[in-house]
Protein backbone atom coordinates (compact mmCIF):
# COMPACT_ATOMS: atom_id res chain seq x y z
CA MET A 1 48.55 262.40 -29.72
CA GLY A 2 48.23 260.69 -26.31
CA ARG A 3 50.00 257.45 -25.47
CA LEU A 4 46.76 255.72 -24.95
CA ASP A 5 44.63 257.03 -27.86
CA GLY A 6 41.93 254.58 -28.77
CA LYS A 7 42.33 252.38 -25.68
CA VAL A 8 39.46 251.60 -23.43
CA ILE A 9 40.41 250.88 -19.81
CA ILE A 10 38.47 249.56 -16.72
CA VAL A 11 39.83 250.97 -13.47
CA THR A 12 38.53 249.64 -10.15
CA GLY A 13 38.89 251.61 -6.89
CA ALA A 14 38.39 254.65 -9.12
CA GLY A 15 36.58 256.80 -6.54
CA ALA A 16 39.65 258.10 -4.62
CA GLY A 17 43.32 257.84 -4.01
CA PHE A 18 45.45 256.05 -6.47
CA GLY A 19 42.43 254.92 -8.62
CA ARG A 20 41.20 258.59 -9.17
CA GLY A 21 44.81 259.63 -9.99
CA ILE A 22 45.09 256.79 -12.51
CA VAL A 23 41.78 257.83 -14.21
CA LYS A 24 42.88 261.39 -14.46
CA LYS A 25 46.22 260.50 -16.07
CA ILE A 26 45.05 257.88 -18.54
CA ILE A 27 42.22 260.06 -19.74
CA ALA A 28 44.73 262.86 -20.35
CA GLU A 29 46.74 260.26 -22.43
CA GLY A 30 43.69 259.60 -24.68
CA ALA A 31 42.03 256.60 -23.05
CA LYS A 32 38.34 256.09 -22.48
CA VAL A 33 37.57 254.76 -18.92
CA LEU A 34 35.01 252.84 -17.18
CA ALA A 35 35.55 254.04 -13.53
CA VAL A 36 34.42 251.40 -10.96
CA ASP A 37 34.03 251.85 -7.24
CA ILE A 38 31.72 250.59 -4.49
CA HIS A 39 31.31 254.13 -3.21
CA GLN A 40 28.80 255.74 -5.75
CA ASP A 41 29.28 259.40 -4.74
CA ASN A 42 33.11 259.08 -5.07
CA VAL A 43 33.15 257.44 -8.51
CA GLU A 44 30.59 259.91 -9.81
CA ALA A 45 32.92 262.76 -8.54
CA THR A 46 35.81 261.05 -10.43
CA ALA A 47 33.81 260.99 -13.68
CA GLN A 48 32.49 264.61 -13.23
CA SER A 49 36.11 265.85 -13.10
CA ALA A 50 36.84 264.27 -16.44
CA PRO A 51 36.17 265.69 -19.91
CA GLN A 52 32.66 264.83 -21.13
CA GLY A 53 32.48 261.46 -22.75
CA SER A 54 35.78 260.09 -21.58
CA CYS A 55 34.68 258.53 -18.28
CA VAL A 56 31.62 256.49 -17.40
CA PRO A 57 31.09 256.00 -13.57
CA HIS A 58 29.98 252.52 -12.42
CA ASN A 59 29.03 251.71 -8.97
CA ASN A 60 29.63 247.98 -8.18
CA ASP A 61 31.36 245.54 -5.84
CA VAL A 62 34.48 243.93 -7.56
CA THR A 63 34.41 240.99 -5.01
CA ILE A 64 31.33 239.48 -6.73
CA GLU A 65 31.42 237.57 -10.04
CA SER A 66 28.05 238.90 -11.31
CA SER A 67 29.48 242.46 -10.73
CA TRP A 68 32.31 241.75 -13.14
CA ARG A 69 29.91 240.46 -15.72
CA ASP A 70 27.90 243.71 -15.24
CA ILE A 71 31.28 245.70 -15.55
CA LEU A 72 32.14 244.03 -18.80
CA GLU A 73 28.61 244.57 -20.23
CA THR A 74 28.59 248.16 -19.23
CA CYS A 75 32.00 248.85 -20.81
CA LEU A 76 31.02 247.23 -24.06
CA ASN A 77 27.70 249.10 -24.13
CA ASN A 78 29.46 252.39 -23.71
CA PHE A 79 32.82 251.94 -25.48
CA GLU A 80 32.43 248.73 -27.50
CA ARG A 81 35.56 247.11 -26.31
CA VAL A 82 37.97 246.58 -23.42
CA ASP A 83 41.72 246.82 -23.68
CA VAL A 84 43.09 247.04 -20.27
CA VAL A 85 41.89 246.24 -16.67
CA VAL A 86 43.52 247.94 -13.78
CA ASN A 87 42.75 246.25 -10.51
CA CYS A 88 43.36 249.11 -8.20
CA ALA A 89 40.62 248.56 -5.51
CA GLY A 90 42.28 247.76 -2.15
CA VAL A 91 42.01 247.98 1.58
CA VAL A 92 44.40 247.77 4.51
CA HIS A 93 43.78 246.61 8.03
CA ASN A 94 44.58 248.85 10.96
CA ALA A 95 48.20 248.54 11.97
CA ALA A 96 48.41 246.23 14.97
CA PRO A 97 50.31 243.25 16.45
CA SER A 98 49.58 240.48 13.92
CA HIS A 99 48.02 238.21 16.56
CA GLU A 100 45.52 240.91 17.49
CA VAL A 101 44.27 241.72 14.04
CA PRO A 102 40.50 240.78 14.02
CA GLU A 103 39.53 237.85 11.80
CA ASP A 104 37.07 240.01 9.75
CA GLN A 105 39.85 242.38 8.87
CA PHE A 106 42.11 239.47 7.80
CA ASP A 107 39.34 238.09 5.59
CA LEU A 108 38.68 241.48 4.14
CA MET A 109 42.31 241.86 2.99
CA PHE A 110 42.01 238.77 0.79
CA LYS A 111 38.45 239.45 -0.34
CA VAL A 112 39.15 242.95 -1.66
CA ASN A 113 42.85 242.78 -2.54
CA VAL A 114 43.07 239.29 -4.03
CA LYS A 115 39.65 237.96 -5.10
CA PRO A 116 39.14 240.61 -7.88
CA ILE A 117 42.26 239.28 -9.65
CA TYR A 118 40.58 235.86 -9.91
CA LEU A 119 37.14 237.23 -10.86
CA SER A 120 38.42 239.73 -13.49
CA THR A 121 40.35 236.91 -15.02
CA LYS A 122 37.39 234.62 -15.02
CA VAL A 123 35.24 237.20 -16.80
CA ILE A 124 37.54 239.25 -18.99
CA VAL A 125 39.88 236.62 -20.28
CA PRO A 126 37.19 234.67 -22.13
CA TYR A 127 36.06 237.77 -23.71
CA TRP A 128 39.51 238.64 -24.96
CA ARG A 129 40.18 235.05 -26.21
CA GLU A 130 36.83 234.99 -28.10
CA LYS A 131 37.46 238.26 -29.76
CA LYS A 132 41.22 237.47 -30.29
CA LEU A 133 42.21 240.57 -28.48
CA GLN A 134 45.55 241.04 -26.76
CA GLY A 135 44.56 242.60 -23.57
CA SER A 136 46.40 243.62 -20.48
CA PHE A 137 45.88 243.38 -16.74
CA ILE A 138 47.64 245.83 -14.36
CA ASN A 139 47.30 244.79 -10.70
CA LEU A 140 48.13 246.95 -7.68
CA SER A 141 50.40 245.06 -5.34
CA SER A 142 52.59 246.90 -2.75
CA ILE A 143 56.20 247.22 -1.77
CA SER A 144 55.16 245.71 1.50
CA GLU A 145 55.09 242.36 -0.39
CA PRO A 146 58.95 242.11 -0.76
CA ARG A 147 59.61 244.38 2.30
CA PRO A 148 56.90 243.48 4.83
CA ARG A 149 56.55 245.78 7.93
CA PRO A 150 55.62 244.60 11.40
CA PHE A 151 51.97 245.27 12.28
CA VAL A 152 50.75 245.25 8.70
CA VAL A 153 51.78 241.71 7.94
CA TRP A 154 48.43 240.42 6.80
CA TYR A 155 48.10 243.26 4.31
CA ALA A 156 51.46 242.45 2.91
CA ALA A 157 50.47 238.76 2.77
CA SER A 158 47.44 239.74 0.58
CA LYS A 159 49.60 241.73 -1.66
CA GLY A 160 52.08 238.85 -1.95
CA ALA A 161 49.12 236.81 -3.30
CA VAL A 162 48.50 239.73 -5.98
CA THR A 163 52.03 239.48 -7.20
CA VAL A 164 52.18 235.64 -7.31
CA ALA A 165 48.86 235.45 -9.14
CA THR A 166 50.05 238.12 -11.56
CA ARG A 167 53.21 236.34 -12.44
CA GLY A 168 51.63 232.95 -12.81
CA LEU A 169 48.70 234.32 -14.92
CA ALA A 170 51.31 236.08 -17.12
CA ALA A 171 52.91 232.75 -17.84
CA GLU A 172 49.63 230.96 -18.35
CA TYR A 173 47.98 233.46 -20.90
CA ALA A 174 51.03 234.71 -22.68
CA ALA A 175 50.21 232.38 -25.66
CA ASP A 176 46.92 234.31 -25.99
CA GLY A 177 48.84 237.64 -26.05
CA ILE A 178 47.18 238.60 -22.77
CA ARG A 179 49.65 240.37 -20.44
CA TYR A 180 49.71 240.65 -16.63
CA ASN A 181 51.90 243.08 -14.70
CA CYS A 182 51.70 244.52 -11.25
CA ILE A 183 52.90 247.68 -9.56
CA ARG A 184 54.39 247.84 -6.06
CA PRO A 185 53.84 251.34 -4.62
CA ALA A 186 55.28 252.61 -1.35
CA VAL A 187 52.74 253.88 1.27
CA GLY A 188 50.76 256.47 -0.59
CA GLU A 189 49.18 259.87 -0.04
CA THR A 190 45.67 258.26 0.26
CA ALA A 191 43.12 257.60 2.97
CA MET A 192 44.93 254.29 3.70
CA LEU A 193 47.94 256.06 5.13
CA ALA A 194 46.35 256.68 8.57
CA LYS A 195 45.78 253.02 9.00
CA VAL A 196 49.29 252.12 8.06
CA VAL A 197 50.70 254.39 10.74
CA GLY A 198 48.39 253.11 13.38
CA GLY A 199 45.12 254.98 13.13
CA THR A 200 46.19 258.68 13.13
CA ASP A 201 48.07 260.58 10.46
CA THR A 202 50.48 262.73 12.52
CA PRO A 203 53.77 264.40 11.67
CA GLU A 204 55.61 262.08 13.97
CA ALA A 205 54.04 258.97 12.42
CA ARG A 206 54.94 260.39 8.97
CA LYS A 207 58.47 261.08 10.06
CA LYS A 208 58.87 257.46 11.03
CA ILE A 209 57.46 256.18 7.57
CA LEU A 210 59.54 258.60 5.55
CA GLY A 211 62.72 257.33 7.23
CA THR A 212 62.29 254.11 5.48
CA ILE A 213 61.92 255.73 1.90
CA PRO A 214 65.26 256.99 0.60
CA LEU A 215 63.66 259.63 -1.62
CA GLY A 216 61.99 261.09 1.43
CA ARG A 217 58.34 261.25 0.53
CA VAL A 218 55.38 259.15 0.22
CA CYS A 219 53.96 257.81 -3.07
CA LEU A 220 51.67 260.13 -4.86
CA PRO A 221 48.63 259.04 -7.13
CA GLU A 222 50.49 260.65 -10.02
CA ASP A 223 53.48 258.31 -9.39
CA VAL A 224 51.36 255.20 -9.77
CA ALA A 225 49.37 256.72 -12.62
CA ASN A 226 52.57 257.40 -14.58
CA MET A 227 53.50 253.66 -14.32
CA VAL A 228 50.07 252.55 -15.25
CA THR A 229 50.17 254.73 -18.34
CA PHE A 230 53.37 253.12 -19.48
CA LEU A 231 52.28 249.52 -18.81
CA ALA A 232 48.91 250.07 -20.61
CA SER A 233 50.58 251.67 -23.61
CA ASP A 234 52.03 249.92 -26.68
CA GLU A 235 55.50 250.76 -25.41
CA ALA A 236 55.13 247.97 -22.87
CA SER A 237 53.90 245.41 -25.42
CA PHE A 238 56.81 243.11 -24.70
CA LEU A 239 56.45 243.17 -20.86
CA THR A 240 54.45 240.60 -18.93
CA GLY A 241 54.91 238.99 -15.46
CA GLY A 242 56.66 242.12 -14.04
CA ALA A 243 56.38 243.60 -10.57
CA TYR A 244 57.42 247.19 -10.88
CA ASN A 245 58.48 249.15 -7.72
CA VAL A 246 57.12 252.68 -7.41
CA ASP A 247 58.63 253.09 -3.93
CA GLY A 248 61.18 255.90 -3.73
CA GLY A 249 63.85 253.30 -3.18
CA ARG A 250 62.32 251.60 -0.14
CA ASP A 251 63.07 248.22 -1.68
CA VAL A 252 66.79 248.90 -1.64
CA SER A 253 66.96 250.71 1.65
């Protein structure tokens, strides 16, 4: 038996990186998944790599309310319920002096990293309350929230908003049995790494990053997926409002 047998989980940002790793792991643990991504080819590739019937790809923009209503409807049409929402979609601006970051990149941080927390709450919470289901949100924050780095300050600020929203919503909806938790990964083995190190992923740039992580490596999709699996499982039924570091010790370095 898998730890997530019988659970239906929506995963955003599922086309690559942490999102794809999460989809792979939770399906292996028995979940059915609606994989959501703005990049259609990527999310279809995620679904094609999964066992037949376990994953439905869904191309949509999670920064739009109507998209979330479509996501919910699509999930219900395919799997008849929703148990967990994993808000994994995210972007990072190009590392740069904070006064030089273009305004459109600043706006994008909050549009993609924060707004889906609001929209998924607005759409999914009423469904769970109506059906008297005890659902769970798992939001991707970042270890840059408690340990912000120079040159990626606005990204860290957006992830700070994710953590604050997660904790406040956990308190607000606990009486309904709806849980909110977030995960704070270190810089990951994803396409975002190059932006974090200034535009080009080089051995020298990696060495500088790894010097801030006591365990000496970047965060892998599997690392985040393992924590998602735990928080989505019944083993975590008494946990809400938590911010869990998956950071190789960066927060204590």
